[in-house]
Amino acid sequence: MKILVTGSAGFIGSALSIKLLDRGDSVIGIDNHNDYYDPALKESRLSRHINHKNYNHINMDIEDQKAVEELFDAHQFDGVVNLAAQAGVRYSLENPKAYIDSNISGFLNILEGCRNYNIKHLVYASSSSVYGQNKKVPFSTSDNVDNPISLYAATKKSNELMAHTYGHLYGFKTTGLRFFTVYGPWGRPDMAYYLFADAIAKNQAIKVFNNGKMERDFTFIDDIVNGVVKVIEKNVEDRIHYKIYNIGNNKVENLENFISTIEDCMQKRAKKEMYPMQLGDVPKTYADINELKFDFDYRPKTNIKVGVKSFIRWYINYYKL
């Protein structure tokens, strides 16, 4: 298959590109290499696959309507995976326009490309943040998600609505994946687990929000990528035009226990500063993944101790500690 992966220098996009290349697929990867976090990390991720004979990298922004149209015109893709987006709940409080530009306007350009160039299947990243302050657990795709509490969540919910509309009007298949707290080697430095490791390594205090009373469905990167590939490779001809799935670990981890696991792996205790809940954040996420299991035989395998150990090993090596 010839697959377009947007955000291919990102955490999930780079790992997915490698998995697809290892399967024998051809990948066209695009990324804008923005400075939301250190671009050097993106370049390092990219160095793992940029020279692969079946990989072609293009430095471009999905907000650039003309560039996106030219991209689709130049290649006949068998599938598209849209992972490019302005990420982060907290940053959406500081720079809301970046979320509209990338997550709304940029996603529209991808949808238009799929529409005009006969793409059969679009897989795109949504987020567990769409559930807002949902009290029912585990979170199910049948739950109401009409009350987002961050602009980031609102843009991801908008993506789902936009994909539904385009699939209905123009007949191509769309699959939205609500990612639940993805972690692991080559991860994003703005994520809590990465910030914790950073602070512990530098003998700085870690910031623990909601006084540590947080629970997350932490999902290891390899499990996420395996799930995405299953969604890409399954014959979608007989499926309805629009579908949403949770993709998580289906297990809740207490934040304090998660921090203890990081401490054990680093053989160092953290200095903690307790803070109240941040605006836009939620106390708990928990994925019901039964639909993804049933339709795609998705089965996450990595427990938190194995996953954190893998991340810390990479972290120590990457920063030469």
C-alpha atoms as a PDB file:
ATOM      1  CA  MET A   1       0.000   0.000   0.000  1.00  0.00           C
ATOM      2  CA  LYS A   2       0.979   3.610  -0.511  1.00  0.00           C
ATOM      3  CA  ILE A   3       0.006   5.557   2.590  1.00  0.00           C
ATOM      4  CA  LEU A   4       0.106   9.232   3.503  1.00  0.00           C
ATOM      5  CA  VAL A   5       1.060   9.810   7.155  1.00  0.00           C
ATOM      6  CA  THR A   6       0.700  13.398   8.343  1.00  0.00           C
ATOM      7  CA  GLY A   7       2.686  14.399  11.419  1.00  0.00           C
ATOM      8  CA  SER A   8       5.319  11.824  10.468  1.00  0.00           C
ATOM      9  CA  ALA A   9       8.036  13.417  12.617  1.00  0.00           C
ATOM     10  CA  GLY A  10       5.720  13.308  15.628  1.00  0.00           C
ATOM     11  CA  PHE A  11       5.641  10.721  18.390  1.00  0.00           C
ATOM     12  CA  ILE A  12       2.944   8.452  16.953  1.00  0.00           C
ATOM     13  CA  GLY A  13       3.492   9.394  13.308  1.00  0.00           C
ATOM     14  CA  SER A  14       7.159   8.431  13.295  1.00  0.00           C
ATOM     15  CA  ALA A  15       6.542   5.106  15.067  1.00  0.00           C
ATOM     16  CA  LEU A  16       3.675   4.331  12.697  1.00  0.00           C
ATOM     17  CA  SER A  17       5.795   5.154   9.642  1.00  0.00           C
ATOM     18  CA  ILE A  18       8.467   2.692  10.789  1.00  0.00           C
ATOM     19  CA  LYS A  19       5.871  -0.041  11.367  1.00  0.00           C
ATOM     20  CA  LEU A  20       4.339   0.473   7.919  1.00  0.00           C
ATOM     21  CA  LEU A  21       7.755   0.467   6.228  1.00  0.00           C
ATOM     22  CA  ASP A  22       8.695  -2.738   8.051  1.00  0.00           C
ATOM     23  CA  ARG A  23       5.516  -4.309   6.631  1.00  0.00           C
ATOM     24  CA  GLY A  24       6.587  -3.397   3.113  1.00  0.00           C
ATOM     25  CA  ASP A  25       4.305  -0.404   2.580  1.00  0.00           C
ATOM     26  CA  SER A  26       5.392   2.827   0.928  1.00  0.00           C
ATOM     27  CA  VAL A  27       4.968   5.924   3.094  1.00  0.00           C
ATOM     28  CA  ILE A  28       4.765   9.579   2.136  1.00  0.00           C
ATOM     29  CA  GLY A  29       5.339  11.483   5.379  1.00  0.00           C
ATOM     30  CA  ILE A  30       4.645  15.158   5.925  1.00  0.00           C
ATOM     31  CA  ASP A  31       5.390  17.332   8.945  1.00  0.00           C
ATOM     32  CA  ASN A  32       5.788  21.067   9.548  1.00  0.00           C
ATOM     33  CA  HIS A  33       8.541  20.617  12.197  1.00  0.00           C
ATOM     34  CA  ASN A  34       7.097  23.411  14.354  1.00  0.00           C
ATOM     35  CA  ASP A  35       8.679  24.516  17.617  1.00  0.00           C
ATOM     36  CA  TYR A  36       5.841  23.610  20.013  1.00  0.00           C
ATOM     37  CA  TYR A  37       8.593  21.489  21.553  1.00  0.00           C
ATOM     38  CA  ASP A  38      12.259  21.031  20.601  1.00  0.00           C
ATOM     39  CA  PRO A  39      12.405  20.339  16.829  1.00  0.00           C
ATOM     40  CA  ALA A  40      15.664  18.448  17.407  1.00  0.00           C
ATOM     41  CA  LEU A  41      13.643  15.585  18.899  1.00  0.00           C
ATOM     42  CA  LYS A  42      11.510  15.482  15.759  1.00  0.00           C
ATOM     43  CA  GLU A  43      14.621  15.371  13.609  1.00  0.00           C
ATOM     44  CA  SER A  44      16.005  12.538  15.742  1.00  0.00           C
ATOM     45  CA  ARG A  45      12.784  10.549  15.383  1.00  0.00           C
ATOM     46  CA  LEU A  46      12.804  11.153  11.663  1.00  0.00           C
ATOM     47  CA  SER A  47      16.423  10.026  11.300  1.00  0.00           C
ATOM     48  CA  ARG A  48      15.262   6.479  12.073  1.00  0.00           C
ATOM     49  CA  HIS A  49      13.339   6.170   8.804  1.00  0.00           C
ATOM     50  CA  ILE A  50      14.000   9.141   6.524  1.00  0.00           C
ATOM     51  CA  ASN A  51      16.556   7.185   4.464  1.00  0.00           C
ATOM     52  CA  HIS A  52      14.354   4.126   3.970  1.00  0.00           C
ATOM     53  CA  LYS A  53      13.951   3.362   0.265  1.00  0.00           C
ATOM     54  CA  ASN A  54      10.140   3.366   0.547  1.00  0.00           C
ATOM     55  CA  TYR A  55       9.872   6.558   2.583  1.00  0.00           C
ATOM     56  CA  ASN A  56       9.518  10.048   1.139  1.00  0.00           C
ATOM     57  CA  HIS A  57       9.484  13.004   3.536  1.00  0.00           C
ATOM     58  CA  ILE A  58       8.002  16.405   2.747  1.00  0.00           C
ATOM     59  CA  ASN A  59       8.359  19.405   5.053  1.00  0.00           C
ATOM     60  CA  MET A  60       4.956  21.060   4.760  1.00  0.00           C
ATOM     61  CA  ASP A  61       1.963  22.205   6.758  1.00  0.00           C
ATOM     62  CA  ILE A  62      -1.534  20.794   6.391  1.00  0.00           C
ATOM     63  CA  GLU A  63      -2.785  24.366   6.833  1.00  0.00           C
ATOM     64  CA  ASP A  64      -1.337  25.138   3.384  1.00  0.00           C
ATOM     65  CA  GLN A  65      -4.319  24.406   1.158  1.00  0.00           C
ATOM     66  CA  LYS A  66      -2.400  24.630  -2.125  1.00  0.00           C
ATOM     67  CA  ALA A  67       0.425  22.394  -0.911  1.00  0.00           C
ATOM     68  CA  VAL A  68      -2.021  19.748   0.317  1.00  0.00           C
ATOM     69  CA  GLU A  69      -3.887  19.766  -2.992  1.00  0.00           C
ATOM     70  CA  GLU A  70      -0.615  19.412  -4.928  1.00  0.00           C
ATOM     71  CA  LEU A  71       0.403  16.537  -2.657  1.00  0.00           C
ATOM     72  CA  PHE A  72      -2.780  14.572  -3.355  1.00  0.00           C
ATOM     73  CA  ASP A  73      -2.516  15.379  -7.053  1.00  0.00           C
ATOM     74  CA  ALA A  74       1.050  14.048  -7.233  1.00  0.00           C
ATOM     75  CA  HIS A  75       0.342  10.717  -5.483  1.00  0.00           C
ATOM     76  CA  GLN A  76      -2.423   8.142  -5.635  1.00  0.00           C
ATOM     77  CA  PHE A  77      -2.709   7.106  -2.002  1.00  0.00           C
ATOM     78  CA  ASP A  78      -4.292   3.831  -0.959  1.00  0.00           C
ATOM     79  CA  GLY A  79      -4.977   5.311   2.458  1.00  0.00           C
ATOM     80  CA  VAL A  80      -4.433   8.418   4.564  1.00  0.00           C
ATOM     81  CA  VAL A  81      -3.599   8.622   8.272  1.00  0.00           C
ATOM     82  CA  ASN A  82      -3.968  12.127   9.682  1.00  0.00           C
ATOM     83  CA  LEU A  83      -1.980  12.536  12.897  1.00  0.00           C
ATOM     84  CA  ALA A  84      -0.861  16.134  12.290  1.00  0.00           C
ATOM     85  CA  ALA A  85      -2.419  18.474  14.839  1.00  0.00           C
ATOM     86  CA  GLN A  86      -1.620  21.075  17.424  1.00  0.00           C
ATOM     87  CA  ALA A  87      -1.474  18.908  20.526  1.00  0.00           C
ATOM     88  CA  GLY A  88      -1.831  19.645  24.223  1.00  0.00           C
ATOM     89  CA  VAL A  89      -4.734  20.658  26.434  1.00  0.00           C
ATOM     90  CA  ARG A  90      -2.839  23.252  28.469  1.00  0.00           C
ATOM     91  CA  TYR A  91      -1.234  25.024  25.514  1.00  0.00           C
ATOM     92  CA  SER A  92      -4.705  25.631  24.040  1.00  0.00           C
ATOM     93  CA  LEU A  93      -5.248  28.140  26.850  1.00  0.00           C
ATOM     94  CA  GLU A  94      -2.225  30.134  25.674  1.00  0.00           C
ATOM     95  CA  ASN A  95      -2.441  29.914  21.897  1.00  0.00           C
ATOM     96  CA  PRO A  96      -5.982  29.056  20.815  1.00  0.00           C
ATOM     97  CA  LYS A  97      -5.524  30.178  17.214  1.00  0.00           C
ATOM     98  CA  ALA A  98      -2.913  27.476  16.595  1.00  0.00           C
ATOM     99  CA  TYR A  99      -5.602  24.874  17.290  1.00  0.00           C
ATOM    100  CA  ILE A 100      -8.088  26.361  14.853  1.00  0.00           C
ATOM    101  CA  ASP A 101      -5.465  26.732  12.133  1.00  0.00           C
ATOM    102  CA  SER A 102      -4.077  23.205  12.388  1.00  0.00           C
ATOM    103  CA  ASN A 103      -6.858  21.086  13.818  1.00  0.00           C
ATOM    104  CA  ILE A 104      -9.785  22.652  11.958  1.00  0.00           C
ATOM    105  CA  SER A 105      -8.472  24.353   8.797  1.00  0.00           C
ATOM    106  CA  GLY A 106      -5.709  21.798   8.316  1.00  0.00           C
ATOM    107  CA  PHE A 107      -8.058  18.862   8.802  1.00  0.00           C
ATOM    108  CA  LEU A 108     -10.479  20.387   6.310  1.00  0.00           C
ATOM    109  CA  ASN A 109      -7.690  20.432   3.722  1.00  0.00           C
ATOM    110  CA  ILE A 110      -7.057  16.726   4.333  1.00  0.00           C
ATOM    111  CA  LEU A 111     -10.767  15.955   3.964  1.00  0.00           C
ATOM    112  CA  GLU A 112     -10.881  17.907   0.706  1.00  0.00           C
ATOM    113  CA  GLY A 113      -7.879  15.955  -0.555  1.00  0.00           C
ATOM    114  CA  CYS A 114      -9.616  12.672   0.255  1.00  0.00           C
ATOM    115  CA  ARG A 115     -12.801  13.844  -1.412  1.00  0.00           C
ATOM    116  CA  ASN A 116     -11.236  15.138  -4.620  1.00  0.00           C
ATOM    117  CA  TYR A 117      -8.731  12.325  -5.138  1.00  0.00           C
ATOM    118  CA  ASN A 118     -10.903   9.272  -4.420  1.00  0.00           C
ATOM    119  CA  ILE A 119      -9.277   8.153  -1.173  1.00  0.00           C
ATOM    120  CA  LYS A 120     -11.099   5.051   0.052  1.00  0.00           C
ATOM    121  CA  HIS A 121     -10.182   5.283   3.733  1.00  0.00           C
ATOM    122  CA  LEU A 122      -9.134   8.089   6.058  1.00  0.00           C
ATOM    123  CA  VAL A 123      -7.895   7.185   9.547  1.00  0.00           C
ATOM    124  CA  TYR A 124      -7.509  10.206  11.825  1.00  0.00           C
ATOM    125  CA  ALA A 125      -6.525  11.030  15.388  1.00  0.00           C
ATOM    126  CA  SER A 126      -9.175  12.074  17.833  1.00  0.00           C
ATOM    127  CA  SER A 127      -8.610  12.178  21.590  1.00  0.00           C
ATOM    128  CA  SER A 128      -9.901  10.945  24.933  1.00  0.00           C
ATOM    129  CA  SER A 129     -10.224  14.634  25.839  1.00  0.00           C
ATOM    130  CA  VAL A 130     -13.545  14.756  23.951  1.00  0.00           C
ATOM    131  CA  TYR A 131     -15.149  12.999  26.937  1.00  0.00           C
ATOM    132  CA  GLY A 132     -14.710  16.123  29.076  1.00  0.00           C
ATOM    133  CA  GLN A 133     -15.857  15.561  32.645  1.00  0.00           C
ATOM    134  CA  ASN A 134     -17.679  12.354  31.813  1.00  0.00           C
ATOM    135  CA  LYS A 135     -18.399  10.534  35.074  1.00  0.00           C
ATOM    136  CA  LYS A 136     -19.375   7.168  33.584  1.00  0.00           C
ATOM    137  CA  VAL A 137     -16.460   4.718  33.357  1.00  0.00           C
ATOM    138  CA  PRO A 138     -15.076   3.190  31.326  1.00  0.00           C
ATOM    139  CA  PHE A 139     -15.596   5.819  28.628  1.00  0.00           C
ATOM    140  CA  SER A 140     -17.614   4.430  25.729  1.00  0.00           C
ATOM    141  CA  THR A 141     -18.014   5.803  22.212  1.00  0.00           C
ATOM    142  CA  SER A 142     -21.768   5.726  22.885  1.00  0.00           C
ATOM    143  CA  ASP A 143     -21.351   8.318  25.683  1.00  0.00           C
ATOM    144  CA  ASN A 144     -22.373  11.919  25.093  1.00  0.00           C
ATOM    145  CA  VAL A 145     -19.378  14.105  24.188  1.00  0.00           C
ATOM    146  CA  ASP A 146     -21.118  17.435  23.660  1.00  0.00           C
ATOM    147  CA  ASN A 147     -19.432  19.231  26.562  1.00  0.00           C
ATOM    148  CA  PRO A 148     -15.683  19.605  25.942  1.00  0.00           C
ATOM    149  CA  ILE A 149     -13.778  21.580  28.592  1.00  0.00           C
ATOM    150  CA  SER A 150     -10.784  22.647  26.489  1.00  0.00           C
ATOM    151  CA  LEU A 151     -10.421  24.134  23.032  1.00  0.00           C
ATOM    152  CA  TYR A 152      -8.192  21.202  22.096  1.00  0.00           C
ATOM    153  CA  ALA A 153     -11.038  18.811  22.942  1.00  0.00           C
ATOM    154  CA  ALA A 154     -13.495  20.982  21.015  1.00  0.00           C
ATOM    155  CA  THR A 155     -11.316  20.806  17.877  1.00  0.00           C
ATOM    156  CA  LYS A 156     -11.073  17.017  18.141  1.00  0.00           C
ATOM    157  CA  LYS A 157     -14.824  16.685  18.518  1.00  0.00           C
ATOM    158  CA  SER A 158     -15.129  18.982  15.494  1.00  0.00           C
ATOM    159  CA  ASN A 159     -12.862  16.639  13.516  1.00  0.00           C
ATOM    160  CA  GLU A 160     -15.267  13.779  14.214  1.00  0.00           C
ATOM    161  CA  LEU A 161     -18.232  15.827  13.025  1.00  0.00           C
ATOM    162  CA  MET A 162     -16.369  16.997   9.915  1.00  0.00           C
ATOM    163  CA  ALA A 163     -15.332  13.431   9.053  1.00  0.00           C
ATOM    164  CA  HIS A 164     -18.912  12.244   9.486  1.00  0.00           C
ATOM    165  CA  THR A 165     -20.181  14.953   7.156  1.00  0.00           C
ATOM    166  CA  TYR A 166     -17.607  14.291   4.428  1.00  0.00           C
ATOM    167  CA  GLY A 167     -18.048  10.532   4.623  1.00  0.00           C
ATOM    168  CA  HIS A 168     -21.816  10.924   4.329  1.00  0.00           C
ATOM    169  CA  LEU A 169     -21.683  13.421   1.461  1.00  0.00           C
ATOM    170  CA  TYR A 170     -18.869  11.923  -0.591  1.00  0.00           C
ATOM    171  CA  GLY A 171     -18.908   8.230   0.254  1.00  0.00           C
ATOM    172  CA  PHE A 172     -15.389   7.542   1.522  1.00  0.00           C
ATOM    173  CA  LYS A 173     -14.678   5.712   4.764  1.00  0.00           C
ATOM    174  CA  THR A 174     -13.475   7.555   7.865  1.00  0.00           C
ATOM    175  CA  THR A 175     -12.230   5.999  11.101  1.00  0.00           C
ATOM    176  CA  GLY A 176     -11.559   8.225  14.100  1.00  0.00           C
ATOM    177  CA  LEU A 177      -9.358   6.919  16.910  1.00  0.00           C
ATOM    178  CA  ARG A 178      -9.684   8.445  20.358  1.00  0.00           C
ATOM    179  CA  PHE A 179      -6.175   8.048  21.762  1.00  0.00           C
ATOM    180  CA  PHE A 180      -5.783   7.579  25.520  1.00  0.00           C
ATOM    181  CA  THR A 181      -2.563   9.024  27.073  1.00  0.00           C
ATOM    182  CA  VAL A 182       0.067   7.574  24.757  1.00  0.00           C
ATOM    183  CA  TYR A 183       3.547   7.178  26.291  1.00  0.00           C
ATOM    184  CA  GLY A 184       6.866   5.527  25.561  1.00  0.00           C
ATOM    185  CA  PRO A 185      10.291   6.049  23.939  1.00  0.00           C
ATOM    186  CA  TRP A 186      10.582   9.069  21.621  1.00  0.00           C
ATOM    187  CA  GLY A 187       7.552  10.593  23.339  1.00  0.00           C
ATOM    188  CA  ARG A 188       6.411  14.199  23.622  1.00  0.00           C
ATOM    189  CA  PRO A 189       8.321  16.366  26.135  1.00  0.00           C
ATOM    190  CA  ASP A 190       5.136  18.210  27.152  1.00  0.00           C
ATOM    191  CA  MET A 191       3.557  15.023  28.509  1.00  0.00           C
ATOM    192  CA  ALA A 192       3.512  14.506  32.280  1.00  0.00           C
ATOM    193  CA  TYR A 193       5.595  11.317  32.363  1.00  0.00           C
ATOM    194  CA  TYR A 194       8.340  13.000  30.312  1.00  0.00           C
ATOM    195  CA  LEU A 195       8.255  16.117  32.521  1.00  0.00           C
ATOM    196  CA  PHE A 196       8.494  13.913  35.612  1.00  0.00           C
ATOM    197  CA  ALA A 197      11.584  12.090  34.301  1.00  0.00           C
ATOM    198  CA  ASP A 198      13.142  15.417  33.306  1.00  0.00           C
ATOM    199  CA  ALA A 199      12.606  16.963  36.722  1.00  0.00           C
ATOM    200  CA  ILE A 200      13.821  13.894  38.622  1.00  0.00           C
ATOM    201  CA  ALA A 201      16.970  13.702  36.487  1.00  0.00           C
ATOM    202  CA  LYS A 202      17.697  17.385  37.152  1.00  0.00           C
ATOM    203  CA  ASN A 203      16.906  17.214  40.889  1.00  0.00           C
ATOM    204  CA  GLN A 204      13.971  19.562  40.379  1.00  0.00           C
ATOM    205  CA  ALA A 205      10.516  19.292  41.900  1.00  0.00           C
ATOM    206  CA  ILE A 206       7.780  17.710  39.809  1.00  0.00           C
ATOM    207  CA  LYS A 207       4.408  19.416  39.567  1.00  0.00           C
ATOM    208  CA  VAL A 208       1.624  17.080  40.671  1.00  0.00           C
ATOM    209  CA  PHE A 209      -1.814  18.396  39.790  1.00  0.00           C
ATOM    210  CA  ASN A 210      -5.063  17.747  41.636  1.00  0.00           C
ATOM    211  CA  ASN A 211      -2.842  16.780  44.582  1.00  0.00           C
ATOM    212  CA  GLY A 212      -2.049  13.518  42.827  1.00  0.00           C
ATOM    213  CA  LYS A 213      -5.680  12.393  42.722  1.00  0.00           C
ATOM    214  CA  MET A 214      -5.560  11.636  39.011  1.00  0.00           C
ATOM    215  CA  GLU A 215      -6.095   8.421  37.083  1.00  0.00           C
ATOM    216  CA  ARG A 216      -5.104   7.756  33.498  1.00  0.00           C
ATOM    217  CA  ASP A 217      -5.472   5.009  30.936  1.00  0.00           C
ATOM    218  CA  PHE A 218      -1.788   5.032  29.933  1.00  0.00           C
ATOM    219  CA  THR A 219      -1.245   3.320  26.557  1.00  0.00           C
ATOM    220  CA  PHE A 220       2.184   2.234  25.346  1.00  0.00           C
ATOM    221  CA  ILE A 221       3.258   3.449  21.913  1.00  0.00           C
ATOM    222  CA  ASP A 222       3.749  -0.060  20.459  1.00  0.00           C
ATOM    223  CA  ASP A 223       0.187  -1.030  21.377  1.00  0.00           C
ATOM    224  CA  ILE A 224      -1.136   2.158  19.805  1.00  0.00           C
ATOM    225  CA  VAL A 225       0.777   1.619  16.564  1.00  0.00           C
ATOM    226  CA  ASN A 226      -0.286  -2.027  16.319  1.00  0.00           C
ATOM    227  CA  GLY A 227      -3.889  -0.925  16.691  1.00  0.00           C
ATOM    228  CA  VAL A 228      -3.616   1.775  14.038  1.00  0.00           C
ATOM    229  CA  VAL A 229      -2.073  -0.680  11.579  1.00  0.00           C
ATOM    230  CA  LYS A 230      -4.917  -3.131  12.155  1.00  0.00           C
ATOM    231  CA  VAL A 231      -7.398  -0.376  11.317  1.00  0.00           C
ATOM    232  CA  ILE A 232      -5.467   0.574   8.165  1.00  0.00           C
ATOM    233  CA  GLU A 233      -5.077  -2.944   6.791  1.00  0.00           C
ATOM    234  CA  LYS A 234      -8.592  -4.278   7.272  1.00  0.00           C
ATOM    235  CA  ASN A 235     -10.793  -4.297   4.194  1.00  0.00           C
ATOM    236  CA  VAL A 236     -13.193  -1.412   4.732  1.00  0.00           C
ATOM    237  CA  GLU A 237     -15.381  -1.881   1.656  1.00  0.00           C
ATOM    238  CA  ASP A 238     -18.259  -3.390   3.607  1.00  0.00           C
ATOM    239  CA  ARG A 239     -18.082  -1.006   6.534  1.00  0.00           C
ATOM    240  CA  ILE A 240     -20.281   1.974   7.155  1.00  0.00           C
ATOM    241  CA  HIS A 241     -18.761   5.272   6.059  1.00  0.00           C
ATOM    242  CA  TYR A 242     -18.093   6.593   9.579  1.00  0.00           C
ATOM    243  CA  LYS A 243     -16.798   4.964  12.747  1.00  0.00           C
ATOM    244  CA  ILE A 244     -15.213   6.079  16.025  1.00  0.00           C
ATOM    245  CA  TYR A 245     -13.154   3.860  18.329  1.00  0.00           C
ATOM    246  CA  ASN A 246     -11.394   4.244  21.651  1.00  0.00           C
ATOM    247  CA  ILE A 247      -7.797   3.083  21.520  1.00  0.00           C
ATOM    248  CA  GLY A 248      -6.342   2.690  24.992  1.00  0.00           C
ATOM    249  CA  ASN A 249      -5.017   0.162  27.467  1.00  0.00           C
ATOM    250  CA  ASN A 250      -8.399  -0.513  29.095  1.00  0.00           C
ATOM    251  CA  LYS A 251      -6.791  -0.157  32.512  1.00  0.00           C
ATOM    252  CA  VAL A 252      -6.648   2.773  34.906  1.00  0.00           C
ATOM    253  CA  GLU A 253      -3.400   3.732  36.646  1.00  0.00           C
ATOM    254  CA  ASN A 254      -3.251   5.995  39.683  1.00  0.00           C
ATOM    255  CA  LEU A 255      -0.931   8.963  39.083  1.00  0.00           C
ATOM    256  CA  GLU A 256       0.914   8.488  42.379  1.00  0.00           C
ATOM    257  CA  ASN A 257       1.631   4.844  41.519  1.00  0.00           C
ATOM    258  CA  PHE A 258       2.746   5.899  38.053  1.00  0.00           C
ATOM    259  CA  ILE A 259       5.214   8.369  39.576  1.00  0.00           C
ATOM    260  CA  SER A 260       6.496   5.651  41.904  1.00  0.00           C
ATOM    261  CA  THR A 261       7.132   3.414  38.897  1.00  0.00           C
ATOM    262  CA  ILE A 262       9.199   6.174  37.259  1.00  0.00           C
ATOM    263  CA  GLU A 263      11.114   6.672  40.524  1.00  0.00           C
ATOM    264  CA  ASP A 264      11.861   2.948  40.746  1.00  0.00           C
ATOM    265  CA  CYS A 265      13.121   2.821  37.167  1.00  0.00           C
ATOM    266  CA  MET A 266      15.324   5.882  37.688  1.00  0.00           C
ATOM    267  CA  GLN A 267      16.380   4.677  41.167  1.00  0.00           C
ATOM    268  CA  LYS A 268      15.740   8.155  42.454  1.00  0.00           C
ATOM    269  CA  ARG A 269      12.987   9.762  44.526  1.00  0.00           C
ATOM    270  CA  ALA A 270      11.022  12.723  43.197  1.00  0.00           C
ATOM    271  CA  LYS A 271      10.568  16.040  44.977  1.00  0.00           C
ATOM    272  CA  LYS A 272       6.882  16.830  44.698  1.00  0.00           C
ATOM    273  CA  GLU A 273       4.977  20.098  44.578  1.00  0.00           C
ATOM    274  CA  MET A 274       1.227  19.699  44.849  1.00  0.00           C
ATOM    275  CA  TYR A 275      -1.103  21.861  42.755  1.00  0.00           C
ATOM    276  CA  PRO A 276      -4.875  22.042  42.231  1.00  0.00           C
ATOM    277  CA  MET A 277      -6.488  20.783  39.037  1.00  0.00           C
ATOM    278  CA  GLN A 278      -5.512  22.774  35.959  1.00  0.00           C
ATOM    279  CA  LEU A 279      -8.094  24.396  33.713  1.00  0.00           C
ATOM    280  CA  GLY A 280      -9.150  22.070  30.905  1.00  0.00           C
ATOM    281  CA  ASP A 281      -7.843  18.949  32.633  1.00  0.00           C
ATOM    282  CA  VAL A 282      -9.871  15.985  33.900  1.00  0.00           C
ATOM    283  CA  PRO A 283      -9.332  13.722  36.933  1.00  0.00           C
ATOM    284  CA  LYS A 284      -9.814  10.392  35.150  1.00  0.00           C
ATOM    285  CA  THR A 285      -9.666   8.717  31.748  1.00  0.00           C
ATOM    286  CA  TYR A 286     -10.574   5.099  31.124  1.00  0.00           C
ATOM    287  CA  ALA A 287     -11.164   3.510  27.717  1.00  0.00           C
ATOM    288  CA  ASP A 288     -13.780   0.925  26.829  1.00  0.00           C
ATOM    289  CA  ILE A 289     -12.018  -0.794  23.903  1.00  0.00           C
ATOM    290  CA  ASN A 290     -14.481  -3.638  23.301  1.00  0.00           C
ATOM    291  CA  GLU A 291     -15.487  -2.363  19.852  1.00  0.00           C
ATOM    292  CA  LEU A 292     -11.879  -2.153  18.684  1.00  0.00           C
ATOM    293  CA  LYS A 293     -11.247  -5.643  20.071  1.00  0.00           C
ATOM    294  CA  PHE A 294     -14.294  -7.042  18.282  1.00  0.00           C
ATOM    295  CA  ASP A 295     -13.762  -5.351  14.912  1.00  0.00           C
ATOM    296  CA  PHE A 296      -9.958  -5.484  14.696  1.00  0.00           C
ATOM    297  CA  ASP A 297      -8.779  -7.954  17.345  1.00  0.00           C
ATOM    298  CA  TYR A 298      -6.970  -5.105  19.125  1.00  0.00           C
ATOM    299  CA  ARG A 299      -5.264  -6.369  22.279  1.00  0.00           C
ATOM    300  CA  PRO A 300      -2.844  -4.090  24.177  1.00  0.00           C
ATOM    301  CA  LYS A 301      -0.073  -6.114  25.783  1.00  0.00           C
ATOM    302  CA  THR A 302       2.273  -3.719  27.598  1.00  0.00           C
ATOM    303  CA  ASN A 303       1.847  -3.259  31.335  1.00  0.00           C
ATOM    304  CA  ILE A 304       2.880  -0.036  33.006  1.00  0.00           C
ATOM    305  CA  LYS A 305       6.111  -1.365  34.554  1.00  0.00           C
ATOM    306  CA  VAL A 306       7.406  -2.671  31.229  1.00  0.00           C
ATOM    307  CA  GLY A 307       6.321   0.471  29.383  1.00  0.00           C
ATOM    308  CA  VAL A 308       7.848   2.931  31.852  1.00  0.00           C
ATOM    309  CA  LYS A 309      11.080   0.926  32.017  1.00  0.00           C
ATOM    310  CA  SER A 310      11.331   1.084  28.221  1.00  0.00           C
ATOM    311  CA  PHE A 311      10.782   4.844  28.232  1.00  0.00           C
ATOM    312  CA  ILE A 312      13.317   5.510  31.011  1.00  0.00           C
ATOM    313  CA  ARG A 313      15.925   3.344  29.275  1.00  0.00           C
ATOM    314  CA  TRP A 314      15.424   5.399  26.093  1.00  0.00           C
ATOM    315  CA  TYR A 315      15.398   8.695  28.021  1.00  0.00           C
ATOM    316  CA  ILE A 316      18.709   7.966  29.754  1.00  0.00           C
ATOM    317  CA  ASN A 317      20.314   6.924  26.483  1.00  0.00           C
ATOM    318  CA  TYR A 318      18.911   9.809  24.420  1.00  0.00           C
ATOM    319  CA  TYR A 319      20.110  12.466  26.861  1.00  0.00           C
ATOM    320  CA  LYS A 320      23.350  10.587  27.590  1.00  0.00           C
ATOM    321  CA  LEU A 321      22.804  10.617  31.354  1.00  0.00           C
END
